[in-house]
Amino acid sequence: MKHRERPSEFKKQLMDRMERINGQTRGILKMIEEDRYCIDILIQIGAVKGALNQVALQLFEDHSHHCLADSLASGGQKEEEAVGELLAALKRML
């Protein structure tokens, strides 16, 4: 498993966003338990999906600027692997 330590401020931003998303998903669970109106639940699900997409985009951008850039600078087989890995991640996101 590959590993890269992220700057503490970036890591804190990601963790704060994920905590908010966690709260939103708990809210959706409560809405379902309370038999809330379907459209209201769907709106909240859309908000969670949008928030997760933003976290994914932040990570994608960070990866591109750091991990991918380092791999491309080294060239050769490592370059091809890095691009393949990035494309595979993008396909999973979409």
N, C-alpha and C. Protein backbone atom coordinates (compact mmCIF):
# COMPACT_ATOMS: atom_id res chain seq x y z
N MET A 1 0.84 -1.18 0.00
CA MET A 1 0.00 0.00 0.00
C MET A 1 0.89 1.25 0.00
N LYS A 2 0.60 2.15 -0.90
CA LYS A 2 1.37 3.38 -0.99
C LYS A 2 0.91 4.33 0.10
N HIS A 3 1.81 5.23 0.50
CA HIS A 3 1.50 6.13 1.59
C HIS A 3 2.21 7.45 1.38
N ARG A 4 1.50 8.53 1.65
CA ARG A 4 2.11 9.85 1.62
C ARG A 4 1.47 10.67 2.73
N GLU A 5 2.31 11.26 3.54
CA GLU A 5 1.80 12.10 4.63
C GLU A 5 1.33 13.42 4.04
N ARG A 6 0.09 13.78 4.35
CA ARG A 6 -0.48 15.02 3.84
C ARG A 6 -0.17 16.16 4.79
N PRO A 7 -0.10 17.38 4.27
CA PRO A 7 0.09 18.53 5.16
C PRO A 7 -1.06 18.59 6.17
N SER A 8 -0.76 18.98 7.39
CA SER A 8 -1.75 18.93 8.46
C SER A 8 -2.98 19.78 8.17
N GLU A 9 -2.82 20.94 7.55
CA GLU A 9 -3.98 21.79 7.25
C GLU A 9 -4.90 21.13 6.22
N PHE A 10 -4.31 20.53 5.19
CA PHE A 10 -5.10 19.84 4.17
C PHE A 10 -5.83 18.65 4.80
N LYS A 11 -5.11 17.90 5.61
CA LYS A 11 -5.70 16.75 6.28
C LYS A 11 -6.87 17.18 7.18
N LYS A 12 -6.69 18.28 7.90
CA LYS A 12 -7.75 18.79 8.77
C LYS A 12 -8.97 19.19 7.96
N GLN A 13 -8.75 19.85 6.82
CA GLN A 13 -9.87 20.23 5.96
C GLN A 13 -10.66 19.00 5.50
N LEU A 14 -9.94 17.98 5.07
CA LEU A 14 -10.61 16.75 4.63
C LEU A 14 -11.38 16.10 5.76
N MET A 15 -10.75 16.03 6.92
CA MET A 15 -11.40 15.40 8.07
C MET A 15 -12.63 16.19 8.51
N ASP A 16 -12.55 17.51 8.50
CA ASP A 16 -13.71 18.34 8.86
C ASP A 16 -14.86 18.12 7.89
N ARG A 17 -14.53 18.08 6.60
CA ARG A 17 -15.57 17.82 5.59
C ARG A 17 -16.22 16.45 5.81
N MET A 18 -15.40 15.45 6.08
CA MET A 18 -15.94 14.11 6.28
C MET A 18 -16.79 14.03 7.55
N GLU A 19 -16.43 14.77 8.57
CA GLU A 19 -17.26 14.82 9.78
C GLU A 19 -18.62 15.43 9.48
N ARG A 20 -18.63 16.50 8.67
CA ARG A 20 -19.92 17.10 8.28
C ARG A 20 -20.75 16.12 7.46
N ILE A 21 -20.10 15.41 6.56
CA ILE A 21 -20.80 14.41 5.75
C ILE A 21 -21.35 13.30 6.65
N ASN A 22 -20.56 12.89 7.61
CA ASN A 22 -21.01 11.88 8.57
C ASN A 22 -22.27 12.36 9.29
N GLY A 23 -22.28 13.62 9.68
CA GLY A 23 -23.47 14.19 10.33
C GLY A 23 -24.67 14.21 9.39
N GLN A 24 -24.41 14.53 8.13
CA GLN A 24 -25.50 14.53 7.14
C GLN A 24 -26.07 13.13 6.96
N THR A 25 -25.21 12.12 6.91
CA THR A 25 -25.72 10.76 6.72
C THR A 25 -26.49 10.29 7.94
N ARG A 26 -26.05 10.70 9.13
CA ARG A 26 -26.84 10.38 10.34
C ARG A 26 -28.20 11.06 10.28
N GLY A 27 -28.21 12.29 9.73
CA GLY A 27 -29.47 13.01 9.56
C GLY A 27 -30.41 12.29 8.60
N ILE A 28 -29.86 11.74 7.54
CA ILE A 28 -30.67 10.98 6.58
C ILE A 28 -31.25 9.75 7.26
N LEU A 29 -30.44 9.06 8.03
CA LEU A 29 -30.93 7.89 8.75
C LEU A 29 -32.10 8.26 9.66
N LYS A 30 -31.97 9.38 10.36
CA LYS A 30 -33.04 9.84 11.25
C LYS A 30 -34.29 10.19 10.44
N MET A 31 -34.09 10.82 9.28
CA MET A 31 -35.24 11.16 8.43
C MET A 31 -35.99 9.91 8.00
N ILE A 32 -35.24 8.85 7.67
CA ILE A 32 -35.87 7.59 7.27
C ILE A 32 -36.62 6.99 8.45
N GLU A 33 -35.98 6.99 9.62
CA GLU A 33 -36.63 6.45 10.82
C GLU A 33 -37.92 7.19 11.14
N GLU A 34 -37.94 8.50 10.87
CA GLU A 34 -39.10 9.33 11.17
C GLU A 34 -40.12 9.36 10.04
N ASP A 35 -39.90 8.54 9.00
CA ASP A 35 -40.79 8.49 7.85
C ASP A 35 -41.00 9.86 7.20
N ARG A 36 -39.92 10.61 7.06
CA ARG A 36 -40.00 11.92 6.43
C ARG A 36 -40.32 11.78 4.95
N TYR A 37 -40.72 12.86 4.35
CA TYR A 37 -41.12 12.93 2.95
C TYR A 37 -39.95 12.51 2.06
N CYS A 38 -40.24 11.62 1.12
CA CYS A 38 -39.21 11.04 0.26
C CYS A 38 -38.35 12.09 -0.45
N ILE A 39 -38.98 13.11 -0.95
CA ILE A 39 -38.25 14.14 -1.69
C ILE A 39 -37.24 14.84 -0.77
N ASP A 40 -37.63 15.10 0.46
CA ASP A 40 -36.70 15.73 1.41
C ASP A 40 -35.49 14.84 1.65
N ILE A 41 -35.72 13.54 1.75
CA ILE A 41 -34.60 12.60 1.95
C ILE A 41 -33.71 12.58 0.71
N LEU A 42 -34.33 12.54 -0.47
CA LEU A 42 -33.56 12.53 -1.71
C LEU A 42 -32.71 13.79 -1.86
N ILE A 43 -33.24 14.91 -1.44
CA ILE A 43 -32.47 16.16 -1.49
C ILE A 43 -31.24 16.05 -0.60
N GLN A 44 -31.40 15.48 0.58
CA GLN A 44 -30.26 15.33 1.49
C GLN A 44 -29.25 14.32 0.94
N ILE A 45 -29.73 13.28 0.30
CA ILE A 45 -28.82 12.30 -0.32
C ILE A 45 -28.01 12.99 -1.42
N GLY A 46 -28.67 13.83 -2.21
CA GLY A 46 -27.96 14.58 -3.24
C GLY A 46 -26.89 15.50 -2.64
N ALA A 47 -27.19 16.10 -1.50
CA ALA A 47 -26.23 16.98 -0.84
C ALA A 47 -25.01 16.18 -0.37
N VAL A 48 -25.24 14.99 0.16
CA VAL A 48 -24.14 14.14 0.61
C VAL A 48 -23.28 13.71 -0.58
N LYS A 49 -23.92 13.32 -1.66
CA LYS A 49 -23.17 12.93 -2.86
C LYS A 49 -22.31 14.09 -3.36
N GLY A 50 -22.88 15.28 -3.37
CA GLY A 50 -22.13 16.45 -3.80
C GLY A 50 -20.94 16.73 -2.89
N ALA A 51 -21.16 16.60 -1.59
CA ALA A 51 -20.08 16.83 -0.62
C ALA A 51 -18.98 15.78 -0.78
N LEU A 52 -19.35 14.53 -0.98
CA LEU A 52 -18.35 13.48 -1.20
C LEU A 52 -17.57 13.72 -2.50
N ASN A 53 -18.26 14.19 -3.52
CA ASN A 53 -17.58 14.51 -4.78
C ASN A 53 -16.54 15.60 -4.56
N GLN A 54 -16.85 16.58 -3.73
CA GLN A 54 -15.89 17.64 -3.46
C GLN A 54 -14.65 17.11 -2.73
N VAL A 55 -14.86 16.20 -1.78
CA VAL A 55 -13.72 15.59 -1.09
C VAL A 55 -12.88 14.80 -2.10
N ALA A 56 -13.55 14.05 -2.96
CA ALA A 56 -12.85 13.26 -3.97
C ALA A 56 -12.05 14.17 -4.90
N LEU A 57 -12.64 15.28 -5.30
CA LEU A 57 -11.93 16.21 -6.19
C LEU A 57 -10.71 16.83 -5.50
N GLN A 58 -10.84 17.14 -4.22
CA GLN A 58 -9.70 17.68 -3.49
C GLN A 58 -8.56 16.66 -3.45
N LEU A 59 -8.90 15.40 -3.16
CA LEU A 59 -7.89 14.35 -3.12
C LEU A 59 -7.29 14.11 -4.50
N PHE A 60 -8.13 14.14 -5.51
CA PHE A 60 -7.67 13.95 -6.89
C PHE A 60 -6.68 15.05 -7.27
N GLU A 61 -7.01 16.28 -6.92
CA GLU A 61 -6.13 17.41 -7.22
C GLU A 61 -4.82 17.29 -6.45
N ASP A 62 -4.91 16.95 -5.17
CA ASP A 62 -3.70 16.78 -4.36
C ASP A 62 -2.82 15.67 -4.93
N HIS A 63 -3.44 14.57 -5.30
CA HIS A 63 -2.70 13.45 -5.88
C HIS A 63 -2.00 13.88 -7.17
N SER A 64 -2.72 14.62 -8.01
CA SER A 64 -2.15 15.06 -9.29
C SER A 64 -0.95 15.97 -9.09
N HIS A 65 -1.05 16.88 -8.14
CA HIS A 65 0.03 17.84 -7.92
C HIS A 65 1.24 17.24 -7.23
N HIS A 66 1.04 16.18 -6.46
CA HIS A 66 2.15 15.65 -5.68
C HIS A 66 2.57 14.26 -6.16
N CYS A 67 1.75 13.28 -5.92
CA CYS A 67 2.12 11.89 -6.24
C CYS A 67 2.34 11.69 -7.73
N LEU A 68 1.39 12.14 -8.54
CA LEU A 68 1.50 11.96 -9.98
C LEU A 68 2.68 12.76 -10.53
N ALA A 69 2.82 13.99 -10.07
CA ALA A 69 3.93 14.83 -10.55
C ALA A 69 5.28 14.18 -10.25
N ASP A 70 5.43 13.60 -9.06
CA ASP A 70 6.69 12.92 -8.71
C ASP A 70 6.94 11.72 -9.62
N SER A 71 5.88 10.95 -9.89
CA SER A 71 6.03 9.77 -10.75
C SER A 71 6.38 10.16 -12.18
N LEU A 72 5.74 11.21 -12.67
CA LEU A 72 6.02 11.65 -14.03
C LEU A 72 7.45 12.18 -14.16
N ALA A 73 7.92 12.80 -13.11
CA ALA A 73 9.29 13.33 -13.14
C ALA A 73 10.33 12.21 -13.20
N SER A 74 9.99 11.05 -12.61
CA SER A 74 10.94 9.93 -12.62
C SER A 74 10.92 9.18 -13.95
N GLY A 75 9.83 9.29 -14.71
CA GLY A 75 9.75 8.71 -16.04
C GLY A 75 9.68 7.19 -16.06
N GLY A 76 9.77 6.64 -17.26
CA GLY A 76 9.80 5.19 -17.45
C GLY A 76 8.52 4.47 -17.06
N GLN A 77 8.70 3.24 -16.60
CA GLN A 77 7.57 2.38 -16.22
C GLN A 77 6.74 3.00 -15.10
N LYS A 78 7.41 3.68 -14.18
CA LYS A 78 6.71 4.31 -13.07
C LYS A 78 5.71 5.35 -13.58
N GLU A 79 6.07 6.05 -14.64
CA GLU A 79 5.20 7.05 -15.24
C GLU A 79 3.93 6.40 -15.77
N GLU A 80 4.06 5.31 -16.51
CA GLU A 80 2.90 4.61 -17.07
C GLU A 80 2.00 4.06 -15.97
N GLU A 81 2.60 3.51 -14.92
CA GLU A 81 1.82 2.99 -13.80
C GLU A 81 1.04 4.10 -13.11
N ALA A 82 1.68 5.25 -12.92
CA ALA A 82 1.02 6.37 -12.24
C ALA A 82 -0.17 6.89 -13.04
N VAL A 83 -0.01 7.00 -14.34
CA VAL A 83 -1.11 7.47 -15.18
C VAL A 83 -2.24 6.44 -15.18
N GLY A 84 -1.90 5.17 -15.27
CA GLY A 84 -2.92 4.11 -15.22
C GLY A 84 -3.68 4.11 -13.91
N GLU A 85 -2.94 4.31 -12.83
CA GLU A 85 -3.57 4.36 -11.50
C GLU A 85 -4.52 5.55 -11.41
N LEU A 86 -4.10 6.70 -11.91
CA LEU A 86 -4.94 7.89 -11.88
C LEU A 86 -6.21 7.70 -12.70
N LEU A 87 -6.06 7.12 -13.88
CA LEU A 87 -7.24 6.88 -14.73
C LEU A 87 -8.19 5.86 -14.10
N ALA A 88 -7.67 4.85 -13.47
CA ALA A 88 -8.51 3.86 -12.79
C ALA A 88 -9.29 4.52 -11.65
N ALA A 89 -8.63 5.39 -10.92
CA ALA A 89 -9.30 6.10 -9.82
C ALA A 89 -10.41 6.99 -10.37
N LEU A 90 -10.13 7.67 -11.46
CA LEU A 90 -11.13 8.54 -12.08
C LEU A 90 -12.35 7.73 -12.54
N LYS A 91 -12.10 6.57 -13.13
CA LYS A 91 -13.22 5.72 -13.57
C LYS A 91 -14.07 5.27 -12.39
N ARG A 92 -13.44 4.97 -11.26
CA ARG A 92 -14.20 4.56 -10.07
C ARG A 92 -15.02 5.75 -9.52
N MET A 93 -14.49 6.94 -9.65
CA MET A 93 -15.21 8.12 -9.16
C MET A 93 -16.45 8.41 -10.00
N LEU A 94 -16.35 8.13 -11.29
CA LEU A 94 -17.47 8.45 -12.19
C LEU A 94 -18.42 7.34 -12.19
